[in-house]
C-alpha cells in the first residue's frame, strides 16, 4: 500500500471516529435546528430555542415520519409538537425503544392530529431521548401541510446522503 493512500484511509477513519463520538443523537429529517454536545441536555431544544427560518420543512398532518440518527445508546425516544417553544409540547408519536451500539437511523411515525394540528400551522417538533446518560433534546421547525401534498423526497434526503458516503468509501477500498 502506498503512503498517500494509507494517509487518506487513516484520515477518513479518523474523521468518522471523531464525528461519531461527538454526535450521539440528532434529527436527520426534517433537519435539526442545531446540535451541540454540551447543550443537548437543555430543554426544550438542546440549546437551540430560536426558529431556524432557513430550514422550515413541510410536514404532513398525518402519516408523517421523522428520521433521527443515533450513534449509540439505550433508552426511549418520543416526538412532541408545539406551536412555539414557549407552548406546551404534546406527544405526536408512540414511545420508541432505542437500543443501538453503532450508528443507526431510526424512522418514527408521527401523527400531528394527536395535538390538534391542522394544515397551514407552523410549529416545532421536539425529540426527547431519555437514556442511560440522561435526557437529550432536539428540535426542528415545520410548516404543516396536507398529507397528499407532501413528497416522499423530503423524507429520503438523510438516507441518501448516508448511502452516498458509504458507497464512495466502499468504492475507494475496492480500488486499493
C-alpha atoms as a PDB file:
ATOM      1  CA  UNK A   1       0.000   0.000   0.000  1.00  0.00           C
ATOM      2  CA  UNK A   2       1.444   3.388  -0.913  1.00  0.00           C
ATOM      3  CA  UNK A   3       1.810   6.168   1.656  1.00  0.00           C
ATOM      4  CA  UNK A   4      -0.716   8.695   0.217  1.00  0.00           C
ATOM      5  CA  UNK A   5      -3.489   6.079   0.143  1.00  0.00           C
ATOM      6  CA  UNK A   6      -2.651   4.925   3.663  1.00  0.00           C
ATOM      7  CA  UNK A   7      -2.749   8.531   4.897  1.00  0.00           C
ATOM      8  CA  UNK A   8      -6.091   9.116   3.154  1.00  0.00           C
ATOM      9  CA  UNK A   9      -7.607   5.969   4.674  1.00  0.00           C
ATOM     10  CA  UNK A  10      -6.335   6.959   8.126  1.00  0.00           C
ATOM     11  CA  UNK A  11      -7.767  10.477   7.669  1.00  0.00           C
ATOM     12  CA  UNK A  12     -11.219   9.157   6.658  1.00  0.00           C
ATOM     13  CA  UNK A  13     -11.369   6.733   9.600  1.00  0.00           C
ATOM     14  CA  UNK A  14     -10.184   9.447  11.998  1.00  0.00           C
ATOM     15  CA  UNK A  15     -12.858  11.857  10.666  1.00  0.00           C
ATOM     16  CA  UNK A  16     -15.604   9.227  11.010  1.00  0.00           C
ATOM     17  CA  UNK A  17     -14.407   8.337  14.510  1.00  0.00           C
ATOM     18  CA  UNK A  18     -14.347  11.975  15.664  1.00  0.00           C
ATOM     19  CA  UNK A  19     -17.762  12.771  14.177  1.00  0.00           C
ATOM     20  CA  UNK A  20     -19.362   9.677  15.671  1.00  0.00           C
ATOM     21  CA  UNK A  21     -18.043  10.327  19.158  1.00  0.00           C
ATOM     22  CA  UNK A  22     -19.389  13.877  19.038  1.00  0.00           C
ATOM     23  CA  UNK A  23     -22.934  13.212  17.822  1.00  0.00           C
ATOM     24  CA  UNK A  24     -24.977  10.763  19.879  1.00  0.00           C
ATOM     25  CA  UNK A  25     -28.425  11.766  18.635  1.00  0.00           C
ATOM     26  CA  UNK A  26     -29.945  14.307  16.267  1.00  0.00           C
ATOM     27  CA  UNK A  27     -32.749  14.980  13.798  1.00  0.00           C
ATOM     28  CA  UNK A  28     -31.774  13.999  10.274  1.00  0.00           C
ATOM     29  CA  UNK A  29     -35.060  14.699   8.551  1.00  0.00           C
ATOM     30  CA  UNK A  30     -36.619  17.176   8.988  1.00  0.00           C
ATOM     31  CA  UNK A  31     -33.301  18.925   9.657  1.00  0.00           C
ATOM     32  CA  UNK A  32     -32.307  19.822  13.193  1.00  0.00           C
ATOM     33  CA  UNK A  33     -32.230  23.435  14.404  1.00  0.00           C
ATOM     34  CA  UNK A  34     -28.745  22.798  15.671  1.00  0.00           C
ATOM     35  CA  UNK A  35     -26.709  20.267  17.545  1.00  0.00           C
ATOM     36  CA  UNK A  36     -24.309  20.799  20.404  1.00  0.00           C
ATOM     37  CA  UNK A  37     -22.910  18.036  22.583  1.00  0.00           C
ATOM     38  CA  UNK A  38     -22.591  20.441  25.509  1.00  0.00           C
ATOM     39  CA  UNK A  39     -26.165  21.772  25.222  1.00  0.00           C
ATOM     40  CA  UNK A  40     -28.213  18.664  24.321  1.00  0.00           C
ATOM     41  CA  UNK A  41     -29.463  18.355  27.899  1.00  0.00           C
ATOM     42  CA  UNK A  42     -31.028  21.859  27.884  1.00  0.00           C
ATOM     43  CA  UNK A  43     -34.791  21.792  27.375  1.00  0.00           C
ATOM     44  CA  UNK A  44     -36.733  22.398  25.274  1.00  0.00           C
ATOM     45  CA  UNK A  45     -34.473  22.242  22.192  1.00  0.00           C
ATOM     46  CA  UNK A  46     -30.987  21.279  23.298  1.00  0.00           C
ATOM     47  CA  UNK A  47     -29.835  24.885  23.478  1.00  0.00           C
ATOM     48  CA  UNK A  48     -31.257  25.840  20.057  1.00  0.00           C
ATOM     49  CA  UNK A  49     -34.505  27.534  21.071  1.00  0.00           C
ATOM     50  CA  UNK A  50     -34.807  30.017  18.169  1.00  0.00           C
ATOM     51  CA  UNK A  51     -36.659  29.202  14.948  1.00  0.00           C
ATOM     52  CA  UNK A  52     -34.352  28.242  12.081  1.00  0.00           C
ATOM     53  CA  UNK A  53     -36.177  30.227   9.380  1.00  0.00           C
ATOM     54  CA  UNK A  54     -33.957  28.805   6.620  1.00  0.00           C
ATOM     55  CA  UNK A  55     -34.891  25.203   7.437  1.00  0.00           C
ATOM     56  CA  UNK A  56     -38.679  25.231   7.926  1.00  0.00           C
ATOM     57  CA  UNK A  57     -39.767  21.948   6.377  1.00  0.00           C
ATOM     58  CA  UNK A  58     -43.202  20.950   5.019  1.00  0.00           C
ATOM     59  CA  UNK A  59     -44.599  18.151   7.180  1.00  0.00           C
ATOM     60  CA  UNK A  60     -47.894  16.254   6.818  1.00  0.00           C
ATOM     61  CA  UNK A  61     -50.677  16.353   9.413  1.00  0.00           C
ATOM     62  CA  UNK A  62     -50.957  12.565   9.321  1.00  0.00           C
ATOM     63  CA  UNK A  63     -48.652   9.808   8.093  1.00  0.00           C
ATOM     64  CA  UNK A  64     -45.545  11.878   8.829  1.00  0.00           C
ATOM     65  CA  UNK A  65     -42.151  10.372   9.567  1.00  0.00           C
ATOM     66  CA  UNK A  66     -39.083  11.751  11.265  1.00  0.00           C
ATOM     67  CA  UNK A  67     -35.620  10.292  10.925  1.00  0.00           C
ATOM     68  CA  UNK A  68     -33.229  10.567  13.839  1.00  0.00           C
ATOM     69  CA  UNK A  69     -29.623   9.437  13.862  1.00  0.00           C
ATOM     70  CA  UNK A  70     -28.340   7.576  16.911  1.00  0.00           C
ATOM     71  CA  UNK A  71     -24.657   6.830  17.347  1.00  0.00           C
ATOM     72  CA  UNK A  72     -25.150   4.686  20.432  1.00  0.00           C
ATOM     73  CA  UNK A  73     -27.464   4.315  23.389  1.00  0.00           C
ATOM     74  CA  UNK A  74     -30.268   2.511  25.140  1.00  0.00           C
ATOM     75  CA  UNK A  75     -33.399   4.417  26.058  1.00  0.00           C
ATOM     76  CA  UNK A  76     -36.725   5.771  24.856  1.00  0.00           C
ATOM     77  CA  UNK A  77     -37.462   8.378  22.161  1.00  0.00           C
ATOM     78  CA  UNK A  78     -40.688  10.366  21.831  1.00  0.00           C
ATOM     79  CA  UNK A  79     -41.601  13.090  19.324  1.00  0.00           C
ATOM     80  CA  UNK A  80     -43.657  16.066  20.552  1.00  0.00           C
ATOM     81  CA  UNK A  81     -45.251  19.095  18.875  1.00  0.00           C
ATOM     82  CA  UNK A  82     -45.932  22.680  19.955  1.00  0.00           C
ATOM     83  CA  UNK A  83     -46.717  25.874  18.010  1.00  0.00           C
ATOM     84  CA  UNK A  84     -43.656  27.553  19.636  1.00  0.00           C
ATOM     85  CA  UNK A  85     -41.011  26.548  22.188  1.00  0.00           C
ATOM     86  CA  UNK A  86     -42.915  28.602  24.778  1.00  0.00           C
ATOM     87  CA  UNK A  87     -46.054  26.470  24.406  1.00  0.00           C
ATOM     88  CA  UNK A  88     -46.767  23.081  25.948  1.00  0.00           C
ATOM     89  CA  UNK A  89     -45.407  20.227  23.861  1.00  0.00           C
ATOM     90  CA  UNK A  90     -47.821  17.350  23.167  1.00  0.00           C
ATOM     91  CA  UNK A  91     -46.753  13.821  22.160  1.00  0.00           C
ATOM     92  CA  UNK A  92     -47.383  13.001  18.488  1.00  0.00           C
ATOM     93  CA  UNK A  93     -45.596   9.635  18.338  1.00  0.00           C
ATOM     94  CA  UNK A  94     -45.549   6.436  20.303  1.00  0.00           C
ATOM     95  CA  UNK A  95     -42.589   5.812  22.600  1.00  0.00           C
ATOM     96  CA  UNK A  96     -39.779   4.229  20.592  1.00  0.00           C
ATOM     97  CA  UNK A  97     -37.299   1.930  22.334  1.00  0.00           C
ATOM     98  CA  UNK A  98     -33.726   2.671  21.231  1.00  0.00           C
ATOM     99  CA  UNK A  99     -31.012   0.040  21.566  1.00  0.00           C
ATOM    100  CA  UNK A 100     -28.065   0.788  19.273  1.00  0.00           C
ATOM    101  CA  UNK A 101     -24.349   0.148  19.586  1.00  0.00           C
ATOM    102  CA  UNK A 102     -23.328   1.536  16.189  1.00  0.00           C
ATOM    103  CA  UNK A 103     -24.670   4.437  14.083  1.00  0.00           C
ATOM    104  CA  UNK A 104     -28.246   3.844  13.032  1.00  0.00           C
ATOM    105  CA  UNK A 105     -31.097   5.885  11.623  1.00  0.00           C
ATOM    106  CA  UNK A 106     -34.448   5.454  13.345  1.00  0.00           C
ATOM    107  CA  UNK A 107     -37.645   6.334  11.455  1.00  0.00           C
ATOM    108  CA  UNK A 108     -40.566   7.241  13.723  1.00  0.00           C
ATOM    109  CA  UNK A 109     -44.196   7.620  12.547  1.00  0.00           C
ATOM    110  CA  UNK A 110     -45.725  10.955  13.581  1.00  0.00           C
ATOM    111  CA  UNK A 111     -49.417  11.931  13.669  1.00  0.00           C
ATOM    112  CA  UNK A 112     -49.802  15.672  14.277  1.00  0.00           C
ATOM    113  CA  UNK A 113     -53.592  15.336  14.539  1.00  0.00           C
ATOM    114  CA  UNK A 114     -52.966  13.971  18.077  1.00  0.00           C
ATOM    115  CA  UNK A 115     -52.035  17.551  19.026  1.00  0.00           C
ATOM    116  CA  UNK A 116     -54.954  19.160  17.173  1.00  0.00           C
ATOM    117  CA  UNK A 117     -52.706  20.488  14.414  1.00  0.00           C
ATOM    118  CA  UNK A 118     -54.166  21.431  11.035  1.00  0.00           C
ATOM    119  CA  UNK A 119     -52.771  22.189   7.611  1.00  0.00           C
ATOM    120  CA  UNK A 120     -51.260  25.681   7.430  1.00  0.00           C
ATOM    121  CA  UNK A 121     -49.992  25.699  11.031  1.00  0.00           C
ATOM    122  CA  UNK A 122     -46.336  26.297  11.717  1.00  0.00           C
ATOM    123  CA  UNK A 123     -44.639  24.755  14.727  1.00  0.00           C
ATOM    124  CA  UNK A 124     -41.846  22.832  16.374  1.00  0.00           C
ATOM    125  CA  UNK A 125     -41.194  19.106  16.502  1.00  0.00           C
ATOM    126  CA  UNK A 126     -39.241  18.154  19.596  1.00  0.00           C
ATOM    127  CA  UNK A 127     -37.417  14.857  20.039  1.00  0.00           C
ATOM    128  CA  UNK A 128     -36.773  13.796  23.613  1.00  0.00           C
ATOM    129  CA  UNK A 129     -34.456  10.876  24.189  1.00  0.00           C
ATOM    130  CA  UNK A 130     -34.302   9.502  27.730  1.00  0.00           C
ATOM    131  CA  UNK A 131     -31.366   7.163  28.179  1.00  0.00           C
ATOM    132  CA  UNK A 132     -28.642   5.985  30.491  1.00  0.00           C
ATOM    133  CA  UNK A 133     -26.668   9.218  30.015  1.00  0.00           C
ATOM    134  CA  UNK A 134     -29.647  11.478  30.777  1.00  0.00           C
ATOM    135  CA  UNK A 135     -32.313  13.340  28.803  1.00  0.00           C
ATOM    136  CA  UNK A 136     -31.363  14.869  25.440  1.00  0.00           C
ATOM    137  CA  UNK A 137     -33.402  17.350  23.388  1.00  0.00           C
ATOM    138  CA  UNK A 138     -33.531  18.260  19.688  1.00  0.00           C
ATOM    139  CA  UNK A 139     -35.961  20.422  17.707  1.00  0.00           C
ATOM    140  CA  UNK A 140     -36.889  21.040  14.092  1.00  0.00           C
ATOM    141  CA  UNK A 141     -39.156  23.658  12.538  1.00  0.00           C
ATOM    142  CA  UNK A 142     -42.080  22.608  10.355  1.00  0.00           C
ATOM    143  CA  UNK A 143     -44.910  24.024   8.240  1.00  0.00           C
ATOM    144  CA  UNK A 144     -47.893  21.655   8.374  1.00  0.00           C
ATOM    145  CA  UNK A 145     -49.386  20.565   5.049  1.00  0.00           C
ATOM    146  CA  UNK A 146     -51.981  18.029   3.928  1.00  0.00           C
ATOM    147  CA  UNK A 147     -50.556  14.515   3.683  1.00  0.00           C
ATOM    148  CA  UNK A 148     -51.368  14.301  -0.027  1.00  0.00           C
ATOM    149  CA  UNK A 149     -49.328  17.457  -0.772  1.00  0.00           C
ATOM    150  CA  UNK A 150     -46.023  16.199   0.613  1.00  0.00           C
ATOM    151  CA  UNK A 151     -43.440  14.439  -1.447  1.00  0.00           C
ATOM    152  CA  UNK A 152     -41.539  11.360  -0.385  1.00  0.00           C
ATOM    153  CA  UNK A 153     -38.342  13.123  -1.468  1.00  0.00           C
ATOM    154  CA  UNK A 154     -38.250  15.185   1.716  1.00  0.00           C
ATOM    155  CA  UNK A 155     -38.030  12.003   3.763  1.00  0.00           C
ATOM    156  CA  UNK A 156     -35.274  10.371   1.710  1.00  0.00           C
ATOM    157  CA  UNK A 157     -32.577  13.058   1.899  1.00  0.00           C
ATOM    158  CA  UNK A 158     -30.913  11.905   5.155  1.00  0.00           C
ATOM    159  CA  UNK A 159     -30.782   8.296   3.998  1.00  0.00           C
ATOM    160  CA  UNK A 160     -29.475   9.259   0.539  1.00  0.00           C
ATOM    161  CA  UNK A 161     -26.534  11.214   1.941  1.00  0.00           C
ATOM    162  CA  UNK A 162     -25.545   8.299   4.186  1.00  0.00           C
ATOM    163  CA  UNK A 163     -25.819   5.826   1.300  1.00  0.00           C
ATOM    164  CA  UNK A 164     -23.735   8.063  -0.984  1.00  0.00           C
ATOM    165  CA  UNK A 165     -20.960   8.435   1.607  1.00  0.00           C
ATOM    166  CA  UNK A 166     -20.920   4.666   2.245  1.00  0.00           C
ATOM    167  CA  UNK A 167     -20.798   3.900  -1.497  1.00  0.00           C
ATOM    168  CA  UNK A 168     -17.863   6.262  -2.031  1.00  0.00           C
ATOM    169  CA  UNK A 169     -15.981   4.807   0.930  1.00  0.00           C
ATOM    170  CA  UNK A 170     -16.547   1.191  -0.199  1.00  0.00           C
ATOM    171  CA  UNK A 171     -15.534   2.069  -3.788  1.00  0.00           C
ATOM    172  CA  UNK A 172     -12.307   3.594  -2.523  1.00  0.00           C
ATOM    173  CA  UNK A 173     -11.390   0.458  -0.570  1.00  0.00           C
ATOM    174  CA  UNK A 174     -12.157  -1.782  -3.544  1.00  0.00           C
ATOM    175  CA  UNK A 175      -9.693   0.205  -5.682  1.00  0.00           C
ATOM    176  CA  UNK A 176      -6.854  -0.482  -3.261  1.00  0.00           C
END
